[in-house]
């Protein structure tokens, strides 16, 4: 009977030893696993550092190459802006010259015809003058979209009502000759009959002025 307590004690001690061994084994494995993870982590860090600094495929080189490309693009953009600025200056000069050419076209294509006292019929000299004007327009107007303005005047010897009617008749006579005899498109012509007299009874006020306006 004394052997039973002894055996139980032996079993308890053996259990403790086995448990201790198992715990030690788990602790060992856990420690070993922790070391493995640490080693792998350090290996990844080292590989990344190598890639960053190695050259051909490294991130550092890519960053540096990108910086160089950005600098080159900035330089090209600066050159392009300089070229654009130069072109804009030239365009301003061209536009200024074009405006002057158009203004000169308007100034040089003006015709004036005169009428007798209380008259609205065109005489031979007036027809020749309008023909000369039309030929000049045909030679120089191909590049322009322009309109024609007929300004009609009368002197101050008659009443305002009579002078208004006379201005209208003179403008109509000139318009009809330009359109029907010289072939000017009717849509181009604008008639203005509100021109005032400047010289009283002088025959210089008995006139129609034909001009062009570039659109």
Protein backbone atom coordinates (compact mmCIF):
# COMPACT_ATOMS: atom_id res chain seq x y z
CA UNK A 1 0.00 0.00 0.00
CA UNK A 2 2.94 2.27 0.55
CA UNK A 3 3.88 1.84 -3.14
CA UNK A 4 0.78 3.66 -4.43
CA UNK A 5 1.59 7.07 -2.99
CA UNK A 6 5.09 6.67 -4.32
CA UNK A 7 3.83 5.89 -7.83
CA UNK A 8 1.47 8.86 -7.75
CA UNK A 9 4.30 11.11 -6.71
CA UNK A 10 6.46 9.73 -9.49
CA UNK A 11 3.67 10.33 -12.04
CA UNK A 12 3.22 13.93 -10.86
CA UNK A 13 6.93 14.60 -11.13
CA UNK A 14 7.04 13.01 -14.57
CA UNK A 15 4.08 15.14 -15.69
CA UNK A 16 5.83 18.25 -14.49
CA UNK A 17 8.97 17.28 -16.37
CA UNK A 18 7.02 16.52 -19.56
CA UNK A 19 5.02 19.76 -19.23
CA UNK A 20 8.20 21.67 -18.68
CA UNK A 21 9.75 20.09 -21.70
CA UNK A 22 6.70 20.84 -23.85
CA UNK A 23 6.62 24.45 -22.63
CA UNK A 24 10.30 24.78 -23.31
CA UNK A 25 9.82 23.35 -26.80
CA UNK A 26 6.99 25.81 -27.56
CA UNK A 27 9.01 28.68 -26.17
CA UNK A 28 11.95 27.58 -28.27
CA UNK A 29 9.84 27.31 -31.41
CA UNK A 30 8.25 30.69 -30.72
CA UNK A 31 11.66 32.26 -30.22
CA UNK A 32 12.94 30.62 -33.36
CA UNK A 33 9.91 31.81 -35.37
CA UNK A 34 10.34 35.35 -34.04
CA UNK A 35 13.96 35.30 -35.08
CA UNK A 36 13.05 34.02 -38.55
CA UNK A 37 10.49 36.81 -39.04
CA UNK A 38 13.02 39.34 -37.86
CA UNK A 39 15.63 37.95 -40.23
CA UNK A 40 13.21 38.05 -43.18
CA UNK A 41 12.18 41.60 -42.34
CA UNK A 42 15.77 42.75 -42.22
CA UNK A 43 16.42 40.95 -45.50
CA UNK A 44 13.56 42.83 -47.18
CA UNK A 45 14.86 46.12 -45.82
CA UNK A 46 18.35 45.38 -47.10
CA UNK A 47 17.02 44.38 -50.53
CA UNK A 48 14.98 47.56 -50.76
CA UNK A 49 18.00 49.66 -49.83
CA UNK A 50 20.01 47.87 -52.48
CA UNK A 51 17.31 48.50 -55.09
CA UNK A 52 17.07 52.13 -54.08
CA UNK A 53 20.76 52.69 -54.48
CA UNK A 54 21.80 50.10 -57.08
CA UNK A 55 21.22 52.20 -60.25
CA UNK A 56 19.41 50.81 -63.27
CA UNK A 57 16.15 49.80 -61.64
CA UNK A 58 16.44 51.78 -58.44
CA UNK A 59 13.84 54.24 -57.26
CA UNK A 60 16.54 56.82 -56.60
CA UNK A 61 17.66 56.75 -60.20
CA UNK A 62 14.08 57.00 -61.45
CA UNK A 63 13.54 60.05 -59.25
CA UNK A 64 16.72 61.68 -60.52
CA UNK A 65 15.83 60.92 -64.15
CA UNK A 66 12.37 62.40 -63.61
CA UNK A 67 13.93 65.56 -62.19
CA UNK A 68 16.15 65.83 -65.26
CA UNK A 69 13.16 65.39 -67.57
CA UNK A 70 11.17 68.03 -65.69
CA UNK A 71 14.07 70.47 -66.00
CA UNK A 72 14.28 69.75 -69.75
CA UNK A 73 10.54 70.27 -70.15
CA UNK A 74 10.75 73.57 -68.27
CA UNK A 75 13.58 74.67 -70.54
CA UNK A 76 11.59 73.74 -73.65
CA UNK A 77 8.55 75.56 -72.28
CA UNK A 78 10.63 78.68 -71.68
CA UNK A 79 11.88 78.55 -75.27
CA UNK A 80 8.36 77.99 -76.57
CA UNK A 81 7.05 80.97 -74.60
CA UNK A 82 9.82 83.12 -76.03
CA UNK A 83 8.95 82.03 -79.57
CA UNK A 84 5.25 82.69 -78.92
CA UNK A 85 6.01 86.16 -77.56
CA UNK A 86 8.10 86.94 -80.65
CA UNK A 87 5.31 85.71 -82.94
CA UNK A 88 2.75 87.80 -81.07
CA UNK A 89 4.90 90.88 -81.55
CA UNK A 90 5.15 90.15 -85.26
CA UNK A 91 1.40 89.59 -85.42
CA UNK A 92 0.83 92.96 -83.76
CA UNK A 93 3.02 94.57 -86.41
CA UNK A 94 1.19 92.74 -89.19
CA UNK A 95 -2.21 93.71 -87.75
CA UNK A 96 -1.09 97.33 -87.51
CA UNK A 97 0.07 97.29 -91.12
CA UNK A 98 -3.18 95.62 -92.19
CA UNK A 99 -5.22 98.31 -90.46
CA UNK A 100 -3.17 101.00 -92.16
CA UNK A 101 -3.57 99.32 -95.55
CA UNK A 102 -7.33 99.12 -95.05
CA UNK A 103 -7.46 102.76 -93.97
CA UNK A 104 -5.44 103.73 -97.03
CA UNK A 105 -7.84 101.70 -99.20
CA UNK A 106 -10.74 103.69 -97.77
CA UNK A 107 -8.95 107.03 -98.16
CA UNK A 108 -7.88 106.40 -101.74
CA UNK A 109 -11.25 105.18 -102.99
CA UNK A 110 -13.41 108.25 -102.59
CA UNK A 111 -15.23 109.91 -105.45
CA UNK A 112 -17.18 113.20 -105.55
CA UNK A 113 -19.63 114.27 -108.24
CA UNK A 114 -21.38 117.66 -108.48
CA UNK A 115 -24.83 118.77 -109.62
CA UNK A 116 -26.29 121.94 -110.98
CA UNK A 117 -28.61 124.17 -108.97
CA UNK A 118 -31.77 122.21 -108.11
CA UNK A 119 -30.56 119.39 -110.39
CA UNK A 120 -30.28 115.66 -109.69
CA UNK A 121 -29.22 114.31 -113.08
CA UNK A 122 -25.71 113.00 -113.65
CA UNK A 123 -23.77 114.74 -116.38
CA UNK A 124 -21.07 113.16 -118.53
CA UNK A 125 -18.23 114.32 -116.30
CA UNK A 126 -19.93 112.79 -113.25
CA UNK A 127 -20.46 109.48 -115.03
CA UNK A 128 -16.80 109.37 -116.06
CA UNK A 129 -15.72 110.08 -112.49
CA UNK A 130 -17.89 107.27 -111.10
CA UNK A 131 -16.56 104.90 -113.78
CA UNK A 132 -12.98 105.77 -112.81
CA UNK A 133 -13.84 105.15 -109.16
CA UNK A 134 -15.40 101.77 -109.94
CA UNK A 135 -12.36 100.66 -111.95
CA UNK A 136 -10.11 101.55 -109.03
CA UNK A 137 -12.30 99.51 -106.69
CA UNK A 138 -12.19 96.52 -109.02
CA UNK A 139 -8.38 96.61 -109.17
CA UNK A 140 -7.73 96.89 -105.44
CA UNK A 141 -10.70 95.47 -103.54
CA UNK A 142 -10.29 91.75 -104.15
CA UNK A 143 -8.89 91.12 -100.65
CA UNK A 144 -11.50 93.11 -98.76
CA UNK A 145 -15.10 92.74 -97.78
CA UNK A 146 -16.35 96.30 -98.02
CA UNK A 147 -19.48 98.36 -98.25
CA UNK A 148 -20.17 101.49 -100.30
CA UNK A 149 -21.66 104.61 -98.75
CA UNK A 150 -23.32 107.31 -100.85
CA UNK A 151 -23.40 110.66 -99.02
CA UNK A 152 -25.75 113.18 -100.63
CA UNK A 153 -25.80 116.95 -99.97
CA UNK A 154 -27.62 120.09 -101.10
CA UNK A 155 -26.95 123.79 -100.61
CA UNK A 156 -29.03 126.05 -98.36
CA UNK A 157 -30.85 128.02 -101.02
CA UNK A 158 -34.10 126.03 -100.81
CA UNK A 159 -36.36 124.90 -97.99
CA UNK A 160 -35.34 122.00 -95.82
CA UNK A 161 -38.16 119.90 -97.22
CA UNK A 162 -37.12 120.69 -100.80
CA UNK A 163 -33.45 120.08 -100.02
CA UNK A 164 -34.24 116.73 -98.37
CA UNK A 165 -36.07 115.61 -101.52
CA UNK A 166 -33.19 116.88 -103.69
CA UNK A 167 -30.60 114.97 -101.63
CA UNK A 168 -32.66 111.82 -102.00
CA UNK A 169 -32.91 112.22 -105.80
CA UNK A 170 -29.17 112.86 -106.17
CA UNK A 171 -28.30 109.81 -104.07
CA UNK A 172 -30.71 107.67 -106.07
CA UNK A 173 -29.20 108.85 -109.36
CA UNK A 174 -25.70 107.90 -108.24
CA UNK A 175 -26.85 104.57 -106.78
CA UNK A 176 -28.73 103.61 -109.95
CA UNK A 177 -25.72 104.38 -112.11
CA UNK A 178 -23.35 102.36 -109.90
CA UNK A 179 -25.68 99.37 -109.74
CA UNK A 180 -27.36 99.36 -113.15
CA UNK A 181 -24.56 100.71 -115.33
CA UNK A 182 -21.36 99.73 -113.49
CA UNK A 183 -22.48 96.43 -111.96
CA UNK A 184 -21.95 97.25 -108.29
CA UNK A 185 -23.98 94.85 -106.10
CA UNK A 186 -26.98 96.72 -104.71
CA UNK A 187 -26.56 95.02 -101.33
CA UNK A 188 -23.22 96.77 -100.87
CA UNK A 189 -24.65 100.28 -101.10
CA UNK A 190 -25.86 102.39 -98.20
CA UNK A 191 -27.41 105.80 -98.85
CA UNK A 192 -27.01 108.69 -96.40
CA UNK A 193 -29.02 111.83 -97.16
CA UNK A 194 -28.48 113.79 -93.95
CA UNK A 195 -25.26 115.49 -94.99
CA UNK A 196 -25.33 119.18 -94.02
CA UNK A 197 -24.33 122.08 -96.25
CA UNK A 198 -21.05 123.75 -95.36
CA UNK A 199 -20.71 126.73 -97.70
CA UNK A 200 -24.16 128.29 -97.89
CA UNK A 201 -25.16 128.82 -101.50
CA UNK A 202 -21.91 127.53 -102.97
CA UNK A 203 -22.14 124.80 -105.60
CA UNK A 204 -19.62 122.69 -103.60
CA UNK A 205 -22.58 121.70 -101.43
CA UNK A 206 -24.46 120.33 -104.44
CA UNK A 207 -22.60 117.04 -104.38
CA UNK A 208 -22.63 113.34 -103.74
CA UNK A 209 -19.58 111.69 -102.17
CA UNK A 210 -19.05 107.96 -102.71
CA UNK A 211 -16.76 106.11 -100.30
CA UNK A 212 -15.92 102.61 -99.13
CA UNK A 213 -15.94 101.16 -95.64
CA UNK A 214 -13.96 97.97 -94.99
CA UNK A 215 -15.90 95.54 -92.82
